[in-house]
Amino acid sequence: MAYQKGTGKNVVIALGGNALGDTPAEQLELVKKTAIYIVDMIAEGINVVVSHGNGPQVGMINNAFAQSAAHDAKTPEMPFPECGALSQGYIGYHLSQAILGELKRRGIMRSTATVITQTVVYPEDPAFKNPTKPVGAFLTEAQAKAKMAETGLTYKEDAGRGWRLVVASPKPQRIVEFDAVKDLMDAGYIVIAAGGGGVPVMEHNDSYHGIPAVIDKDRSSAKIAADFHADMLVILTAVEKVAINFNKPNQQDLDRMTVAEARKYMEEGQFAPGSMLPKVQACVEYLEGYPKGTALITSLEKAAAGLRGETGTVIVRD
């Protein structure tokens, strides 16, 4: 069935961690609130692709299989790429359920589609030379060294708490299911895709192979938005606006930035790594890929108002 597509802008929305929870029960409740804000945008005619993070969820899945495998010989360990795919399905299920409920409550005749997404990365990406993202369960030093000898993966000591697998965070090069996402959106569906940045895969001899890595979900969202020529990339986080001199007496909230200004602020170290920096970087990448677009960083609660130009930080090419 083809649904009536909205008459407004095409927007890729990247949900921050505050839109989800750390446990299944917490997430199930939080996504109901998240769905209200997403449907607020849909009600104004916006067509959306929704992406999301998966840090706590993929860790929970990975740890559960590791613990089970350690105590039950019949339970295999789950490879990290498969944990990412499982998390996409689990989070997509909750988001889809909540959005569908909110659409029905408002009498909006639209439906959702969750696409388990693979993201191509290049083996020569410099991130693979220095994996830094800790994932999975804590091990003893002996267990970690045995795993390294067995698998060739990298384990590092983590703040005195034990040893953990560390993986790279390479740059997304291509979304494998991009055509499916575009076709579904063009047909009027609200599409949930690129969860957790997508499962990282490498391409070899016309086939794909999952690899243990973590792709930043904002960068994958930027890639989809640029390739789709989406009118806007909206990155939702815990704050209403991007700020310079954050948490200082001279803090300045920004209503608007050009790409040149964003680069200048990044060079000055204005944005914290692992927090605002990757969000601004993703906006710059989107605008480099599609200069006619507009990026917006704001809070989930202010998303609809931000799309109306009433709040948030807007980033443009020039």
Protein backbone atom coordinates (compact mmCIF):
# COMPACT_ATOMS: atom_id res chain seq x y z
CA MET A 1 0.00 0.00 0.00
CA ALA A 2 1.30 3.48 -0.88
CA TYR A 3 0.56 6.16 1.69
CA GLN A 4 0.00 9.84 1.02
CA LYS A 5 3.37 11.51 1.33
CA GLY A 6 3.56 14.74 3.32
CA THR A 7 3.64 18.00 1.43
CA GLY A 8 6.50 19.46 3.46
CA LYS A 9 10.25 18.97 3.64
CA ASN A 10 12.18 15.71 3.52
CA VAL A 11 14.06 15.45 6.81
CA VAL A 12 16.52 12.96 8.28
CA ILE A 13 16.26 12.93 12.07
CA ALA A 14 19.06 11.54 14.25
CA LEU A 15 17.76 10.75 17.73
CA GLY A 16 20.09 11.24 20.69
CA GLY A 17 20.48 8.84 23.57
CA ASN A 18 17.95 10.78 25.66
CA ALA A 19 15.23 9.57 23.29
CA LEU A 20 15.80 5.93 24.33
CA GLY A 21 16.49 4.12 27.57
CA ASP A 22 19.12 1.81 29.01
CA THR A 23 16.74 -1.11 29.61
CA PRO A 24 13.85 -2.58 27.58
CA ALA A 25 11.26 -1.36 30.09
CA GLU A 26 12.72 2.16 30.25
CA GLN A 27 13.01 2.35 26.48
CA LEU A 28 9.43 1.22 25.97
CA GLU A 29 8.22 4.17 28.05
CA LEU A 30 10.64 6.77 26.66
CA VAL A 31 9.85 6.03 23.02
CA LYS A 32 6.19 6.90 23.65
CA LYS A 33 7.30 10.44 24.49
CA THR A 34 9.76 10.44 21.58
CA ALA A 35 6.96 9.41 19.20
CA ILE A 36 4.89 12.45 20.21
CA TYR A 37 7.63 14.83 19.04
CA ILE A 38 8.26 12.88 15.83
CA VAL A 39 4.56 12.84 14.98
CA ASP A 40 4.36 16.57 15.76
CA MET A 41 6.68 17.01 12.76
CA ILE A 42 4.79 14.53 10.61
CA ALA A 43 1.53 16.34 11.42
CA GLU A 44 3.03 19.49 9.89
CA GLY A 45 3.64 17.65 6.59
CA ILE A 46 7.27 16.68 7.18
CA ASN A 47 8.52 13.41 5.66
CA VAL A 48 11.03 11.73 7.93
CA VAL A 49 13.74 9.13 8.07
CA VAL A 50 14.52 8.38 11.72
CA SER A 51 17.91 7.12 12.86
CA HIS A 52 19.00 6.39 16.42
CA GLY A 53 21.90 5.43 18.62
CA ASN A 54 22.31 1.96 20.12
CA GLY A 55 25.19 2.16 22.61
CA PRO A 56 23.53 0.75 25.74
CA GLN A 57 21.41 -1.69 23.75
CA VAL A 58 24.19 -3.27 21.72
CA GLY A 59 26.31 -3.51 24.87
CA MET A 60 23.47 -5.24 26.71
CA ILE A 61 23.00 -7.78 23.90
CA ASN A 62 26.74 -8.42 23.60
CA ASN A 63 27.16 -8.87 27.36
CA ALA A 64 24.14 -11.17 27.64
CA PHE A 65 25.49 -13.55 25.00
CA ALA A 66 29.00 -13.41 26.45
CA GLN A 67 27.76 -14.26 29.94
CA SER A 68 25.52 -17.03 28.66
CA ALA A 69 28.27 -18.52 26.50
CA ALA A 70 30.65 -18.50 29.47
CA HIS A 71 28.22 -20.56 31.57
CA ASP A 72 26.45 -22.68 28.96
CA ALA A 73 28.38 -24.54 26.29
CA LYS A 74 25.22 -24.69 24.14
CA THR A 75 25.05 -20.89 23.80
CA PRO A 76 27.45 -19.47 21.20
CA GLU A 77 29.07 -16.09 21.53
CA MET A 78 27.36 -13.55 19.29
CA PRO A 79 29.67 -11.67 16.89
CA PHE A 80 29.59 -7.91 17.40
CA PRO A 81 28.10 -7.06 13.95
CA GLU A 82 25.21 -9.43 14.67
CA CYS A 83 24.68 -7.71 18.04
CA GLY A 84 24.34 -4.43 16.13
CA ALA A 85 21.76 -5.94 13.79
CA LEU A 86 19.80 -7.35 16.74
CA SER A 87 19.78 -3.94 18.40
CA GLN A 88 18.43 -2.30 15.24
CA GLY A 89 15.51 -4.70 15.18
CA TYR A 90 14.76 -4.32 18.88
CA ILE A 91 14.92 -0.52 18.90
CA GLY A 92 13.13 -0.24 15.56
CA TYR A 93 10.32 -2.41 16.89
CA HIS A 94 9.82 -0.11 19.89
CA LEU A 95 10.04 3.09 17.84
CA SER A 96 7.72 1.78 15.16
CA GLN A 97 5.18 0.62 17.72
CA ALA A 98 5.20 4.00 19.49
CA ILE A 99 4.99 6.06 16.28
CA LEU A 100 2.17 3.92 14.91
CA GLY A 101 0.24 4.36 18.15
CA GLU A 102 0.66 8.13 18.07
CA LEU A 103 -0.31 8.32 14.38
CA LYS A 104 -3.46 6.31 15.08
CA ARG A 105 -4.33 8.48 18.08
CA ARG A 106 -4.24 11.57 15.85
CA GLY A 107 -6.01 9.96 12.91
CA ILE A 108 -3.00 10.29 10.57
CA MET A 109 -3.05 7.63 7.85
CA ARG A 110 0.67 6.80 7.58
CA SER A 111 2.72 3.75 8.45
CA THR A 112 6.29 2.90 9.41
CA ALA A 113 9.02 0.69 7.98
CA THR A 114 12.12 -0.40 9.88
CA VAL A 115 15.11 -1.19 7.66
CA ILE A 116 17.99 -3.19 9.12
CA THR A 117 20.83 -1.17 7.65
CA GLN A 118 24.38 -2.05 6.62
CA THR A 119 27.01 0.67 6.21
CA VAL A 120 30.03 0.18 4.00
CA VAL A 121 33.39 1.26 5.42
CA TYR A 122 36.79 1.14 3.77
CA PRO A 123 39.53 -1.17 5.10
CA GLU A 124 42.12 1.59 4.65
CA ASP A 125 40.24 3.93 6.99
CA PRO A 126 42.85 5.27 9.46
CA ALA A 127 40.50 4.54 12.37
CA PHE A 128 41.39 0.85 12.09
CA LYS A 129 44.99 1.61 13.00
CA ASN A 130 43.93 2.89 16.42
CA PRO A 131 40.69 1.32 17.70
CA THR A 132 39.40 3.33 20.65
CA LYS A 133 35.74 2.41 21.25
CA PRO A 134 35.34 0.01 24.21
CA VAL A 135 32.46 -2.44 23.82
CA GLY A 136 31.21 -5.60 25.46
CA ALA A 137 31.91 -7.35 28.74
CA PHE A 138 34.85 -6.83 31.10
CA LEU A 139 37.42 -9.63 31.08
CA THR A 140 40.47 -10.50 33.14
CA GLU A 141 43.85 -9.80 31.59
CA ALA A 142 44.38 -13.51 30.96
CA GLN A 143 40.98 -13.89 29.30
CA ALA A 144 41.58 -10.82 27.13
CA LYS A 145 45.00 -12.00 25.98
CA ALA A 146 43.57 -15.39 25.13
CA LYS A 147 40.84 -13.71 23.07
CA MET A 148 43.41 -11.57 21.27
CA ALA A 149 45.46 -14.65 20.40
CA GLU A 150 42.33 -16.48 19.22
CA THR A 151 40.65 -13.72 17.22
CA GLY A 152 43.29 -11.11 16.39
CA LEU A 153 41.03 -8.40 17.84
CA THR A 154 42.25 -5.68 20.20
CA TYR A 155 41.50 -5.68 23.93
CA LYS A 156 42.62 -2.92 26.28
CA GLU A 157 42.51 -2.29 30.02
CA ASP A 158 39.61 0.04 30.86
CA ALA A 159 40.10 2.41 33.82
CA GLY A 160 41.04 -0.32 36.28
CA ARG A 161 37.75 -2.15 35.75
CA GLY A 162 39.08 -4.94 33.55
CA TRP A 163 39.88 -5.52 29.91
CA ARG A 164 37.41 -4.89 27.08
CA LEU A 165 37.25 -5.29 23.35
CA VAL A 166 38.04 -2.01 21.59
CA VAL A 167 36.91 -1.38 18.04
CA ALA A 168 37.42 1.33 15.44
CA SER A 169 34.95 4.05 14.48
CA PRO A 170 35.44 4.35 10.69
CA LYS A 171 33.77 6.86 8.40
CA PRO A 172 30.57 5.67 6.67
CA GLN A 173 31.06 5.47 2.91
CA ARG A 174 27.78 4.06 1.62
CA ILE A 175 24.44 2.89 2.99
CA VAL A 176 23.77 -0.51 1.40
CA GLU A 177 19.98 -0.23 1.74
CA PHE A 178 19.82 3.40 0.62
CA ASP A 179 17.57 2.69 -2.39
CA ALA A 180 15.09 0.82 -0.19
CA VAL A 181 15.02 3.68 2.33
CA LYS A 182 14.43 6.22 -0.45
CA ASP A 183 11.72 4.15 -2.15
CA LEU A 184 9.87 3.67 1.14
CA MET A 185 10.06 7.36 1.98
CA ASP A 186 8.90 8.31 -1.51
CA ALA A 187 5.94 5.95 -0.98
CA GLY A 188 4.91 7.84 2.15
CA TYR A 189 6.35 5.62 4.88
CA ILE A 190 8.06 6.91 8.02
CA VAL A 191 11.35 5.03 7.76
CA ILE A 192 13.52 3.94 10.69
CA ALA A 193 17.02 3.23 9.37
CA ALA A 194 20.77 3.39 10.08
CA GLY A 195 20.26 2.44 13.72
CA GLY A 196 23.51 2.73 15.61
CA GLY A 197 25.06 4.06 12.41
CA GLY A 198 24.27 0.81 10.63
CA VAL A 199 26.10 -2.51 10.87
CA PRO A 200 29.65 -1.86 9.61
CA VAL A 201 30.47 -4.01 6.59
CA MET A 202 33.27 -4.28 4.08
CA GLU A 203 32.67 -5.14 0.45
CA HIS A 204 34.68 -7.90 -1.21
CA ASN A 205 33.97 -9.72 -4.47
CA ASP A 206 30.45 -8.30 -4.64
CA SER A 207 29.54 -9.52 -1.17
CA TYR A 208 29.42 -7.87 2.26
CA HIS A 209 31.12 -8.99 5.45
CA GLY A 210 30.26 -7.59 8.88
CA ILE A 211 33.16 -6.33 10.97
CA PRO A 212 33.46 -5.41 14.66
CA ALA A 213 33.35 -1.61 14.60
CA VAL A 214 31.14 1.27 15.72
CA ILE A 215 29.93 3.91 13.26
CA ASP A 216 28.79 7.25 14.61
CA LYS A 217 25.04 7.41 13.99
CA ASP A 218 25.11 11.16 13.28
CA ARG A 219 27.65 10.63 10.48
CA SER A 220 25.56 7.85 8.94
CA SER A 221 22.50 10.08 9.19
CA ALA A 222 24.46 12.83 7.44
CA LYS A 223 25.42 10.39 4.68
CA ILE A 224 21.78 9.38 4.11
CA ALA A 225 20.66 13.02 4.16
CA ALA A 226 23.30 14.13 1.67
CA ASP A 227 22.73 11.22 -0.73
CA PHE A 228 18.97 11.65 -0.49
CA HIS A 229 19.29 15.43 -1.04
CA ALA A 230 17.12 15.81 2.04
CA ASP A 231 16.03 19.37 2.75
CA MET A 232 17.26 19.09 6.33
CA LEU A 233 19.38 17.01 8.65
CA VAL A 234 18.09 17.34 12.21
CA ILE A 235 20.33 16.10 15.02
CA LEU A 236 18.48 15.88 18.31
CA THR A 237 20.36 16.03 21.58
CA ALA A 238 19.91 17.08 25.20
CA VAL A 239 20.30 20.83 24.66
CA GLU A 240 18.24 23.37 22.72
CA LYS A 241 21.16 25.11 21.03
CA VAL A 242 24.85 24.63 20.34
CA ALA A 243 27.01 26.85 22.52
CA ILE A 244 30.56 28.15 22.50
CA ASN A 245 32.40 28.66 25.77
CA PHE A 246 30.04 26.02 27.16
CA ASN A 247 29.49 26.11 30.93
CA LYS A 248 31.62 29.26 31.27
CA PRO A 249 30.49 32.74 32.35
CA ASN A 250 30.74 33.92 28.74
CA GLN A 251 28.75 31.01 27.27
CA GLN A 252 27.09 32.00 24.01
CA ASP A 253 24.23 30.03 22.50
CA LEU A 254 24.33 30.01 18.72
CA ASP A 255 21.27 30.58 16.54
CA ARG A 256 23.15 30.08 13.29
CA MET A 257 26.54 28.93 11.98
CA THR A 258 28.09 28.65 8.55
CA VAL A 259 30.33 25.70 7.73
CA ALA A 260 33.34 28.03 7.88
CA GLU A 261 32.36 29.21 11.36
CA ALA A 262 31.75 25.63 12.48
CA ARG A 263 35.23 24.64 11.32
CA LYS A 264 36.74 27.61 13.14
CA TYR A 265 34.99 26.68 16.39
CA MET A 266 36.09 23.05 16.00
CA GLU A 267 39.70 24.12 15.53
CA GLU A 268 39.41 26.20 18.71
CA GLY A 269 38.24 23.12 20.61
CA GLN A 270 34.85 24.64 21.40
CA PHE A 271 32.95 21.35 21.11
CA ALA A 272 33.58 18.35 23.34
CA PRO A 273 34.70 15.09 21.69
CA GLY A 274 32.10 12.38 22.15
CA SER A 275 29.43 15.01 22.78
CA MET A 276 28.77 18.05 20.56
CA LEU A 277 31.84 17.70 18.31
CA PRO A 278 30.65 14.66 16.28
CA LYS A 279 27.22 16.28 15.84
CA VAL A 280 28.73 19.44 14.35
CA GLN A 281 31.11 17.34 12.24
CA ALA A 282 28.15 15.37 10.87
CA CYS A 283 26.34 18.58 9.93
CA VAL A 284 29.42 19.82 8.09
CA GLU A 285 29.72 16.50 6.21
CA TYR A 286 26.06 16.69 5.19
CA LEU A 287 26.43 20.24 3.88
CA GLU A 288 29.62 19.34 2.02
CA GLY A 289 27.69 16.52 0.35
CA TYR A 290 24.57 18.60 -0.29
CA PRO A 291 25.31 22.35 -0.11
CA LYS A 292 21.66 23.33 -0.68
CA GLY A 293 20.59 21.64 2.55
CA THR A 294 20.15 23.00 6.06
CA ALA A 295 21.27 21.32 9.26
CA LEU A 296 19.65 21.81 12.64
CA ILE A 297 20.85 20.83 16.11
CA THR A 298 18.32 21.10 18.90
CA SER A 299 16.56 19.13 21.63
CA LEU A 300 13.94 16.48 21.01
CA GLU A 301 11.32 18.60 22.75
CA LYS A 302 12.04 21.59 20.51
CA ALA A 303 12.32 19.69 17.23
CA ALA A 304 9.03 20.85 15.68
CA ALA A 305 9.70 24.45 16.74
CA GLY A 306 13.21 24.17 15.32
CA LEU A 307 11.85 23.06 11.97
CA ARG A 308 9.65 26.16 11.99
CA GLY A 309 12.77 28.29 12.52
CA GLU A 310 11.82 29.26 16.08
CA THR A 311 14.76 27.76 17.96
CA GLY A 312 17.80 25.51 17.74
CA THR A 313 21.12 26.07 15.99
CA VAL A 314 20.90 26.19 12.19
CA ILE A 315 24.03 25.35 10.15
CA VAL A 316 24.27 26.33 6.47
CA ARG A 317 26.93 26.03 3.79
CA ASP A 318 27.70 29.78 3.45
